[in-house]
Amino acid sequence: MEEKTKLSEIIKIEYLTKSDAEFSENGGMITMKLTKDGETKDVGRVFLHRCFPHETENGFISVLDREGNELGLIRDAGDFGEEVKALIERELGRRYRVFIIKKIKSVNERYGYSYWKAEDDSGEFEFTVRDTYRSITKIDDDRIYISDIDGNRYEIPSLSALDRKSFKRIELFL
């Protein structure tokens, strides 16, 4: 007869703390030294990913090595001190930057791609989307996210707040 195993025994979550993980910046990249069982290892470059990107900005951050193996989770970036917290926030800000679209100037489709000209608070910009229908995610009835071919994210926080011409340009994709 097989013994039932608890999920917590199968999936072990390693939480990183200030005492076992040391973060620093090297050439614009985040690097880490990890102390485990009394031995310190220079892991090198690490990559940060939010486990809950829309709900938690500075908590539950997964730390991955170059091969994509998870080294552990940061419960709260603030636990590492202000300097490291700022470093983590800067890195996550780059990774999870979301452009807020205020106006859509044009959307042109060709060969499965759509080419967008839009505007945000800092001015006009362009981006390309592959498979437009699948690249638009409805968050609720009035809010959408768009992902481009480079992995950049764009948000329209309120479709009803768009001017009429902007809405007409994307209405077909909704």
N, C-alpha and C. Protein backbone atom coordinates (compact mmCIF):
# COMPACT_ATOMS: atom_id res chain seq x y z
N MET A 1 0.83 -1.18 0.00
CA MET A 1 0.00 0.00 0.00
C MET A 1 0.89 1.25 0.00
N GLU A 2 0.58 2.21 -0.90
CA GLU A 2 1.37 3.43 -1.00
C GLU A 2 1.07 4.38 0.15
N GLU A 3 2.13 5.00 0.59
CA GLU A 3 1.97 5.98 1.67
C GLU A 3 1.63 7.33 1.05
N LYS A 4 0.62 7.98 1.59
CA LYS A 4 0.23 9.29 1.08
C LYS A 4 1.26 10.32 1.55
N THR A 5 1.60 11.22 0.63
CA THR A 5 2.60 12.23 0.93
C THR A 5 1.94 13.61 0.90
N LYS A 6 2.30 14.44 1.84
CA LYS A 6 1.79 15.80 1.88
C LYS A 6 2.45 16.61 0.78
N LEU A 7 1.70 17.56 0.25
CA LEU A 7 2.22 18.44 -0.78
C LEU A 7 3.45 19.20 -0.28
N SER A 8 3.45 19.58 0.98
CA SER A 8 4.57 20.32 1.55
C SER A 8 5.85 19.48 1.59
N GLU A 9 5.70 18.15 1.56
CA GLU A 9 6.89 17.29 1.52
C GLU A 9 7.42 17.14 0.10
N ILE A 10 6.55 17.31 -0.89
CA ILE A 10 6.95 17.19 -2.28
C ILE A 10 7.56 18.51 -2.78
N ILE A 11 6.89 19.59 -2.46
CA ILE A 11 7.34 20.92 -2.90
C ILE A 11 7.94 21.63 -1.70
N LYS A 12 9.23 21.82 -1.73
CA LYS A 12 9.91 22.50 -0.62
C LYS A 12 10.24 23.92 -1.07
N ILE A 13 9.71 24.89 -0.39
CA ILE A 13 9.97 26.29 -0.71
C ILE A 13 11.10 26.78 0.17
N GLU A 14 12.14 27.26 -0.46
CA GLU A 14 13.28 27.85 0.25
C GLU A 14 13.09 29.36 0.27
N TYR A 15 12.90 29.92 1.45
CA TYR A 15 12.80 31.36 1.57
C TYR A 15 14.19 31.93 1.82
N LEU A 16 14.54 32.95 1.06
CA LEU A 16 15.83 33.61 1.22
C LEU A 16 15.70 34.71 2.26
N THR A 17 16.74 34.84 3.09
CA THR A 17 16.77 35.88 4.11
C THR A 17 18.07 36.65 4.00
N LYS A 18 18.13 37.73 4.72
CA LYS A 18 19.32 38.56 4.72
C LYS A 18 20.55 37.78 5.22
N SER A 19 20.32 36.80 6.06
CA SER A 19 21.43 36.04 6.63
C SER A 19 21.99 34.98 5.67
N ASP A 20 21.21 34.56 4.67
CA ASP A 20 21.73 33.54 3.76
C ASP A 20 21.86 33.98 2.30
N ALA A 21 21.38 35.16 1.96
CA ALA A 21 21.48 35.64 0.58
C ALA A 21 22.00 37.08 0.58
N GLU A 22 23.04 37.30 -0.18
CA GLU A 22 23.63 38.64 -0.29
C GLU A 22 23.53 39.07 -1.76
N PHE A 23 22.78 40.15 -2.00
CA PHE A 23 22.59 40.66 -3.35
C PHE A 23 23.48 41.86 -3.59
N SER A 24 23.97 41.98 -4.83
CA SER A 24 24.75 43.16 -5.22
C SER A 24 24.54 43.40 -6.70
N GLU A 25 25.05 44.53 -7.16
CA GLU A 25 24.94 44.87 -8.58
C GLU A 25 26.32 44.81 -9.20
N ASN A 26 26.39 44.21 -10.37
CA ASN A 26 27.66 44.09 -11.06
C ASN A 26 27.41 44.32 -12.55
N GLY A 27 27.86 45.45 -13.06
CA GLY A 27 27.67 45.75 -14.47
C GLY A 27 26.22 45.86 -14.89
N GLY A 28 25.38 46.38 -14.02
CA GLY A 28 23.96 46.54 -14.33
C GLY A 28 23.14 45.29 -14.11
N MET A 29 23.77 44.23 -13.62
CA MET A 29 23.05 42.97 -13.36
C MET A 29 23.07 42.68 -11.87
N ILE A 30 22.06 41.96 -11.41
CA ILE A 30 22.00 41.56 -10.01
C ILE A 30 22.75 40.24 -9.86
N THR A 31 23.65 40.21 -8.89
CA THR A 31 24.37 38.98 -8.57
C THR A 31 24.06 38.61 -7.12
N MET A 32 24.35 37.35 -6.78
CA MET A 32 24.00 36.89 -5.44
C MET A 32 25.04 35.89 -4.92
N LYS A 33 25.30 36.00 -3.63
CA LYS A 33 26.07 35.00 -2.91
C LYS A 33 25.09 34.31 -1.97
N LEU A 34 25.13 32.98 -1.97
CA LEU A 34 24.19 32.20 -1.18
C LEU A 34 24.94 31.37 -0.16
N THR A 35 24.53 31.47 1.10
CA THR A 35 25.13 30.68 2.17
C THR A 35 24.16 29.57 2.56
N LYS A 36 24.65 28.33 2.44
CA LYS A 36 23.83 27.17 2.76
C LYS A 36 24.70 26.16 3.48
N ASP A 37 24.22 25.70 4.60
CA ASP A 37 24.95 24.73 5.42
C ASP A 37 26.35 25.23 5.77
N GLY A 38 26.46 26.53 6.06
CA GLY A 38 27.73 27.13 6.47
C GLY A 38 28.70 27.41 5.34
N GLU A 39 28.32 27.09 4.10
CA GLU A 39 29.20 27.29 2.95
C GLU A 39 28.62 28.39 2.06
N THR A 40 29.46 29.38 1.70
CA THR A 40 29.02 30.48 0.84
C THR A 40 29.44 30.22 -0.59
N LYS A 41 28.47 30.35 -1.49
CA LYS A 41 28.72 30.11 -2.91
C LYS A 41 28.36 31.36 -3.68
N ASP A 42 29.25 31.78 -4.60
CA ASP A 42 28.95 32.91 -5.48
C ASP A 42 28.13 32.38 -6.65
N VAL A 43 26.85 32.65 -6.64
CA VAL A 43 25.94 32.15 -7.66
C VAL A 43 26.12 32.91 -8.97
N GLY A 44 26.54 34.16 -8.87
CA GLY A 44 26.67 34.99 -10.07
C GLY A 44 25.35 35.69 -10.37
N ARG A 45 25.11 35.90 -11.65
CA ARG A 45 23.90 36.62 -12.06
C ARG A 45 22.65 35.82 -11.70
N VAL A 46 21.66 36.55 -11.19
CA VAL A 46 20.37 35.95 -10.89
C VAL A 46 19.26 36.76 -11.58
N PHE A 47 18.12 36.12 -11.74
CA PHE A 47 16.98 36.73 -12.39
C PHE A 47 15.81 36.73 -11.42
N LEU A 48 15.10 37.84 -11.38
CA LEU A 48 13.99 38.00 -10.44
C LEU A 48 12.66 37.97 -11.17
N HIS A 49 11.71 37.25 -10.58
CA HIS A 49 10.37 37.14 -11.15
C HIS A 49 9.36 37.25 -10.03
N ARG A 50 8.35 38.07 -10.25
CA ARG A 50 7.27 38.16 -9.27
C ARG A 50 6.35 36.95 -9.41
N CYS A 51 6.06 36.31 -8.29
CA CYS A 51 5.13 35.17 -8.31
C CYS A 51 3.70 35.64 -8.56
N PHE A 52 3.37 36.82 -8.06
CA PHE A 52 2.05 37.40 -8.24
C PHE A 52 2.22 38.82 -8.78
N PRO A 53 2.50 38.95 -10.09
CA PRO A 53 2.89 40.25 -10.64
C PRO A 53 1.86 41.36 -10.52
N HIS A 54 0.58 41.03 -10.46
CA HIS A 54 -0.42 42.09 -10.40
C HIS A 54 -0.85 42.41 -8.98
N GLU A 55 -0.52 41.54 -8.03
CA GLU A 55 -0.99 41.74 -6.67
C GLU A 55 0.10 42.20 -5.71
N THR A 56 1.31 41.68 -5.86
CA THR A 56 2.36 41.93 -4.89
C THR A 56 3.60 42.47 -5.57
N GLU A 57 3.94 43.72 -5.32
CA GLU A 57 5.08 44.32 -6.01
C GLU A 57 6.42 43.92 -5.41
N ASN A 58 6.54 43.92 -4.10
CA ASN A 58 7.84 43.69 -3.47
C ASN A 58 7.87 42.43 -2.61
N GLY A 59 6.93 41.56 -2.82
CA GLY A 59 6.91 40.32 -2.05
C GLY A 59 6.74 39.10 -2.94
N PHE A 60 7.14 37.97 -2.41
CA PHE A 60 7.07 36.70 -3.12
C PHE A 60 7.74 36.81 -4.49
N ILE A 61 9.04 37.06 -4.42
CA ILE A 61 9.87 37.22 -5.62
C ILE A 61 10.72 35.98 -5.76
N SER A 62 10.59 35.32 -6.90
CA SER A 62 11.37 34.12 -7.18
C SER A 62 12.75 34.53 -7.70
N VAL A 63 13.80 33.90 -7.17
CA VAL A 63 15.17 34.18 -7.59
C VAL A 63 15.66 32.94 -8.35
N LEU A 64 16.02 33.14 -9.62
CA LEU A 64 16.46 32.06 -10.49
C LEU A 64 17.91 32.24 -10.90
N ASP A 65 18.61 31.11 -11.09
CA ASP A 65 19.99 31.19 -11.61
C ASP A 65 19.95 31.26 -13.13
N ARG A 66 21.12 31.26 -13.76
CA ARG A 66 21.21 31.39 -15.22
C ARG A 66 20.50 30.27 -15.97
N GLU A 67 20.43 29.10 -15.37
CA GLU A 67 19.78 27.96 -16.02
C GLU A 67 18.27 27.92 -15.78
N GLY A 68 17.77 28.86 -15.00
CA GLY A 68 16.34 28.92 -14.72
C GLY A 68 15.92 28.10 -13.52
N ASN A 69 16.88 27.64 -12.72
CA ASN A 69 16.58 26.90 -11.50
C ASN A 69 16.27 27.88 -10.38
N GLU A 70 15.19 27.61 -9.65
CA GLU A 70 14.84 28.50 -8.56
C GLU A 70 15.75 28.26 -7.37
N LEU A 71 16.36 29.35 -6.91
CA LEU A 71 17.25 29.29 -5.75
C LEU A 71 16.48 29.55 -4.46
N GLY A 72 15.37 30.25 -4.57
CA GLY A 72 14.55 30.54 -3.40
C GLY A 72 13.59 31.68 -3.67
N LEU A 73 12.82 32.00 -2.64
CA LEU A 73 11.84 33.08 -2.72
C LEU A 73 12.18 34.17 -1.71
N ILE A 74 11.98 35.39 -2.14
CA ILE A 74 12.08 36.54 -1.23
C ILE A 74 10.66 36.85 -0.78
N ARG A 75 10.43 36.72 0.53
CA ARG A 75 9.09 37.02 1.06
C ARG A 75 8.77 38.50 0.93
N ASP A 76 9.74 39.34 1.29
CA ASP A 76 9.55 40.79 1.25
C ASP A 76 10.91 41.43 1.00
N ALA A 77 11.02 42.20 -0.07
CA ALA A 77 12.29 42.84 -0.43
C ALA A 77 12.78 43.77 0.68
N GLY A 78 11.86 44.34 1.45
CA GLY A 78 12.22 45.23 2.54
C GLY A 78 13.01 44.56 3.65
N ASP A 79 12.94 43.23 3.73
CA ASP A 79 13.68 42.50 4.76
C ASP A 79 15.19 42.53 4.53
N PHE A 80 15.62 42.94 3.35
CA PHE A 80 17.04 42.94 3.00
C PHE A 80 17.69 44.31 3.18
N GLY A 81 16.96 45.28 3.67
CA GLY A 81 17.50 46.63 3.87
C GLY A 81 17.16 47.52 2.68
N GLU A 82 17.26 48.81 2.90
CA GLU A 82 16.84 49.80 1.90
C GLU A 82 17.66 49.74 0.61
N GLU A 83 18.97 49.54 0.74
CA GLU A 83 19.84 49.52 -0.44
C GLU A 83 19.51 48.34 -1.36
N VAL A 84 19.36 47.16 -0.80
CA VAL A 84 19.03 45.96 -1.58
C VAL A 84 17.60 46.05 -2.09
N LYS A 85 16.70 46.58 -1.26
CA LYS A 85 15.31 46.75 -1.69
C LYS A 85 15.25 47.64 -2.93
N ALA A 86 16.01 48.73 -2.94
CA ALA A 86 16.04 49.63 -4.09
C ALA A 86 16.59 48.93 -5.33
N LEU A 87 17.61 48.11 -5.14
CA LEU A 87 18.20 47.33 -6.23
C LEU A 87 17.17 46.36 -6.81
N ILE A 88 16.46 45.66 -5.95
CA ILE A 88 15.43 44.71 -6.38
C ILE A 88 14.29 45.44 -7.08
N GLU A 89 13.84 46.56 -6.52
CA GLU A 89 12.76 47.33 -7.13
C GLU A 89 13.16 47.84 -8.51
N ARG A 90 14.38 48.30 -8.66
CA ARG A 90 14.87 48.80 -9.94
C ARG A 90 14.86 47.67 -11.00
N GLU A 91 15.35 46.50 -10.61
CA GLU A 91 15.38 45.36 -11.52
C GLU A 91 13.97 44.91 -11.91
N LEU A 92 13.09 44.82 -10.92
CA LEU A 92 11.71 44.42 -11.21
C LEU A 92 10.99 45.49 -12.03
N GLY A 93 11.32 46.75 -11.78
CA GLY A 93 10.74 47.85 -12.56
C GLY A 93 11.09 47.73 -14.03
N ARG A 94 12.33 47.33 -14.31
CA ARG A 94 12.74 47.13 -15.71
C ARG A 94 12.00 45.94 -16.32
N ARG A 95 11.92 44.88 -15.56
CA ARG A 95 11.32 43.65 -16.06
C ARG A 95 9.81 43.76 -16.23
N TYR A 96 9.16 44.46 -15.32
CA TYR A 96 7.70 44.50 -15.33
C TYR A 96 7.14 45.86 -15.69
N ARG A 97 7.92 46.66 -16.40
CA ARG A 97 7.42 47.97 -16.79
C ARG A 97 6.20 47.78 -17.68
N VAL A 98 5.18 48.52 -17.38
CA VAL A 98 3.96 48.48 -18.15
C VAL A 98 3.70 49.90 -18.68
N PHE A 99 3.60 50.00 -20.00
CA PHE A 99 3.30 51.28 -20.62
C PHE A 99 1.79 51.49 -20.55
N ILE A 100 1.37 52.65 -20.08
CA ILE A 100 -0.05 52.96 -19.96
C ILE A 100 -0.48 53.73 -21.21
N ILE A 101 -1.28 53.08 -22.03
CA ILE A 101 -1.73 53.68 -23.29
C ILE A 101 -2.87 54.66 -23.02
N LYS A 102 -2.68 55.89 -23.49
CA LYS A 102 -3.71 56.92 -23.34
C LYS A 102 -4.49 57.11 -24.64
N LYS A 103 -3.80 56.86 -25.78
CA LYS A 103 -4.41 57.09 -27.09
C LYS A 103 -3.81 56.12 -28.09
N ILE A 104 -4.64 55.63 -29.01
CA ILE A 104 -4.16 54.75 -30.07
C ILE A 104 -4.25 55.51 -31.38
N LYS A 105 -3.09 55.73 -32.00
CA LYS A 105 -3.02 56.50 -33.24
C LYS A 105 -3.38 55.63 -34.45
N SER A 106 -2.88 54.37 -34.45
CA SER A 106 -3.20 53.46 -35.56
C SER A 106 -2.87 52.03 -35.18
N VAL A 107 -3.57 51.09 -35.84
CA VAL A 107 -3.29 49.66 -35.73
C VAL A 107 -3.43 49.10 -37.14
N ASN A 108 -2.33 48.58 -37.68
CA ASN A 108 -2.34 48.02 -39.03
C ASN A 108 -1.94 46.56 -38.97
N GLU A 109 -2.73 45.71 -39.61
CA GLU A 109 -2.46 44.27 -39.61
C GLU A 109 -1.84 43.84 -40.93
N ARG A 110 -0.81 42.96 -40.83
CA ARG A 110 -0.18 42.37 -42.01
C ARG A 110 0.43 41.03 -41.62
N TYR A 111 0.06 39.99 -42.35
CA TYR A 111 0.67 38.67 -42.22
C TYR A 111 0.71 38.15 -40.77
N GLY A 112 -0.37 38.31 -40.04
CA GLY A 112 -0.45 37.78 -38.68
C GLY A 112 0.14 38.68 -37.61
N TYR A 113 0.62 39.84 -37.99
CA TYR A 113 1.19 40.81 -37.06
C TYR A 113 0.35 42.09 -37.11
N SER A 114 0.30 42.79 -36.00
CA SER A 114 -0.31 44.11 -36.02
C SER A 114 0.72 45.13 -35.54
N TYR A 115 0.73 46.25 -36.19
CA TYR A 115 1.70 47.31 -35.93
C TYR A 115 0.94 48.48 -35.32
N TRP A 116 1.31 48.81 -34.09
CA TRP A 116 0.59 49.79 -33.31
C TRP A 116 1.39 51.09 -33.19
N LYS A 117 0.68 52.20 -33.27
CA LYS A 117 1.21 53.51 -32.89
C LYS A 117 0.30 54.00 -31.78
N ALA A 118 0.90 54.29 -30.65
CA ALA A 118 0.11 54.69 -29.49
C ALA A 118 0.79 55.84 -28.77
N GLU A 119 0.14 56.31 -27.74
CA GLU A 119 0.65 57.45 -26.98
C GLU A 119 0.44 57.19 -25.49
N ASP A 120 1.46 57.58 -24.71
CA ASP A 120 1.33 57.56 -23.26
C ASP A 120 1.71 58.93 -22.74
N ASP A 121 1.91 59.07 -21.44
CA ASP A 121 2.23 60.38 -20.86
C ASP A 121 3.54 60.96 -21.37
N SER A 122 4.48 60.09 -21.80
CA SER A 122 5.78 60.58 -22.25
C SER A 122 5.87 60.79 -23.76
N GLY A 123 4.80 60.46 -24.49
CA GLY A 123 4.80 60.71 -25.93
C GLY A 123 4.35 59.52 -26.75
N GLU A 124 4.65 59.60 -28.04
CA GLU A 124 4.22 58.58 -28.99
C GLU A 124 5.25 57.46 -29.07
N PHE A 125 4.79 56.23 -29.27
CA PHE A 125 5.67 55.08 -29.42
C PHE A 125 5.01 54.06 -30.34
N GLU A 126 5.81 53.10 -30.82
CA GLU A 126 5.32 52.06 -31.70
C GLU A 126 5.70 50.70 -31.16
N PHE A 127 4.88 49.70 -31.43
CA PHE A 127 5.20 48.33 -31.05
C PHE A 127 4.49 47.37 -32.00
N THR A 128 4.95 46.13 -32.00
CA THR A 128 4.44 45.10 -32.90
C THR A 128 3.89 43.94 -32.08
N VAL A 129 2.74 43.45 -32.48
CA VAL A 129 2.08 42.35 -31.78
C VAL A 129 1.87 41.20 -32.76
N ARG A 130 2.21 39.99 -32.32
CA ARG A 130 1.95 38.79 -33.11
C ARG A 130 0.65 38.16 -32.60
N ASP A 131 -0.20 37.73 -33.50
CA ASP A 131 -1.47 37.12 -33.16
C ASP A 131 -2.24 38.02 -32.17
N THR A 132 -2.72 39.10 -32.69
CA THR A 132 -3.31 40.17 -31.88
C THR A 132 -4.38 39.69 -30.92
N TYR A 133 -5.27 38.81 -31.37
CA TYR A 133 -6.36 38.35 -30.51
C TYR A 133 -5.83 37.63 -29.27
N ARG A 134 -4.77 36.87 -29.42
CA ARG A 134 -4.21 36.14 -28.27
C ARG A 134 -3.29 37.00 -27.42
N SER A 135 -2.84 38.11 -27.96
CA SER A 135 -1.91 38.98 -27.23
C SER A 135 -2.62 40.02 -26.37
N ILE A 136 -3.92 40.08 -26.49
CA ILE A 136 -4.73 41.00 -25.67
C ILE A 136 -5.41 40.20 -24.58
N THR A 137 -5.19 40.60 -23.33
CA THR A 137 -5.80 39.93 -22.19
C THR A 137 -6.77 40.89 -21.50
N LYS A 138 -8.01 40.47 -21.37
CA LYS A 138 -8.99 41.28 -20.66
C LYS A 138 -8.84 41.02 -19.17
N ILE A 139 -8.56 42.04 -18.42
CA ILE A 139 -8.45 41.93 -16.97
C ILE A 139 -9.85 42.01 -16.35
N ASP A 140 -10.65 42.92 -16.87
CA ASP A 140 -12.07 43.00 -16.51
C ASP A 140 -12.78 43.62 -17.72
N ASP A 141 -14.01 44.02 -17.56
CA ASP A 141 -14.77 44.53 -18.71
C ASP A 141 -14.22 45.82 -19.29
N ASP A 142 -13.41 46.53 -18.54
CA ASP A 142 -12.96 47.84 -18.98
C ASP A 142 -11.43 47.97 -19.06
N ARG A 143 -10.70 46.94 -18.71
CA ARG A 143 -9.23 47.03 -18.60
C ARG A 143 -8.58 45.88 -19.38
N ILE A 144 -7.54 46.21 -20.18
CA ILE A 144 -6.85 45.18 -20.94
C ILE A 144 -5.34 45.34 -20.86
N TYR A 145 -4.63 44.22 -21.07
CA TYR A 145 -3.18 44.19 -21.22
C TYR A 145 -2.87 43.70 -22.62
N ILE A 146 -1.82 44.24 -23.19
CA ILE A 146 -1.35 43.83 -24.51
C ILE A 146 0.12 43.46 -24.38
N SER A 147 0.52 42.33 -24.96
CA SER A 147 1.93 41.90 -24.94
C SER A 147 2.47 41.97 -26.35
N ASP A 148 3.65 42.60 -26.52
CA ASP A 148 4.23 42.69 -27.86
C ASP A 148 5.23 41.56 -28.11
N ILE A 149 5.83 41.53 -29.29
CA ILE A 149 6.72 40.43 -29.66
C ILE A 149 8.02 40.41 -28.85
N ASP A 150 8.34 41.51 -28.20
CA ASP A 150 9.55 41.58 -27.38
C ASP A 150 9.28 41.31 -25.90
N GLY A 151 8.03 41.01 -25.55
CA GLY A 151 7.68 40.73 -24.17
C GLY A 151 7.31 41.97 -23.37
N ASN A 152 7.28 43.13 -24.02
CA ASN A 152 6.86 44.35 -23.33
C ASN A 152 5.35 44.30 -23.11
N ARG A 153 4.91 44.97 -22.06
CA ARG A 153 3.50 44.97 -21.71
C ARG A 153 2.93 46.38 -21.75
N TYR A 154 1.71 46.44 -22.21
CA TYR A 154 0.99 47.71 -22.35
C TYR A 154 -0.36 47.54 -21.68
N GLU A 155 -0.83 48.58 -21.04
CA GLU A 155 -2.11 48.51 -20.36
C GLU A 155 -3.00 49.64 -20.84
N ILE A 156 -4.26 49.31 -21.03
CA ILE A 156 -5.29 50.32 -21.20
C ILE A 156 -6.17 50.16 -19.97
N PRO A 157 -5.97 51.04 -18.97
CA PRO A 157 -6.67 50.88 -17.69
C PRO A 157 -8.19 51.06 -17.78
N SER A 158 -8.64 51.80 -18.81
CA SER A 158 -10.07 52.01 -18.97
C SER A 158 -10.40 52.20 -20.44
N LEU A 159 -11.00 51.19 -21.04
CA LEU A 159 -11.42 51.30 -22.44
C LEU A 159 -12.43 52.43 -22.61
N SER A 160 -13.29 52.60 -21.62
CA SER A 160 -14.32 53.65 -21.71
C SER A 160 -13.74 55.05 -21.63
N ALA A 161 -12.51 55.17 -21.12
CA ALA A 161 -11.87 56.49 -21.03
C ALA A 161 -11.13 56.86 -22.32
N LEU A 162 -10.96 55.89 -23.23
CA LEU A 162 -10.31 56.20 -24.51
C LEU A 162 -11.18 57.13 -25.33
N ASP A 163 -10.56 57.95 -26.16
CA ASP A 163 -11.34 58.76 -27.08
C ASP A 163 -11.98 57.83 -28.11
N ARG A 164 -13.00 58.31 -28.79
CA ARG A 164 -13.80 57.47 -29.68
C ARG A 164 -12.96 56.84 -30.80
N LYS A 165 -12.07 57.61 -31.41
CA LYS A 165 -11.24 57.10 -32.51
C LYS A 165 -10.32 55.99 -32.02
N SER A 166 -9.73 56.16 -30.86
CA SER A 166 -8.84 55.13 -30.29
C SER A 166 -9.60 53.83 -30.06
N PHE A 167 -10.79 53.94 -29.48
CA PHE A 167 -11.58 52.75 -29.21
C PHE A 167 -11.96 52.03 -30.50
N LYS A 168 -12.37 52.78 -31.52
CA LYS A 168 -12.76 52.19 -32.80
C LYS A 168 -11.59 51.42 -33.43
N ARG A 169 -10.35 51.89 -33.21
CA ARG A 169 -9.19 51.24 -33.81
C ARG A 169 -8.90 49.85 -33.21
N ILE A 170 -9.36 49.62 -31.99
CA ILE A 170 -9.09 48.31 -31.36
C ILE A 170 -10.35 47.49 -31.08
N GLU A 171 -11.49 48.07 -31.33
CA GLU A 171 -12.76 47.40 -31.02
C GLU A 171 -12.85 46.01 -31.65
N LEU A 172 -12.37 45.83 -32.84
CA LEU A 172 -12.41 44.56 -33.55
C LEU A 172 -11.68 43.46 -32.79
N PHE A 173 -10.61 43.80 -32.05
CA PHE A 173 -9.79 42.82 -31.36
C PHE A 173 -10.33 42.43 -29.99
N LEU A 174 -11.32 43.16 -29.52
CA LEU A 174 -11.88 42.91 -28.19
C LEU A 174 -12.97 41.92 -28.29
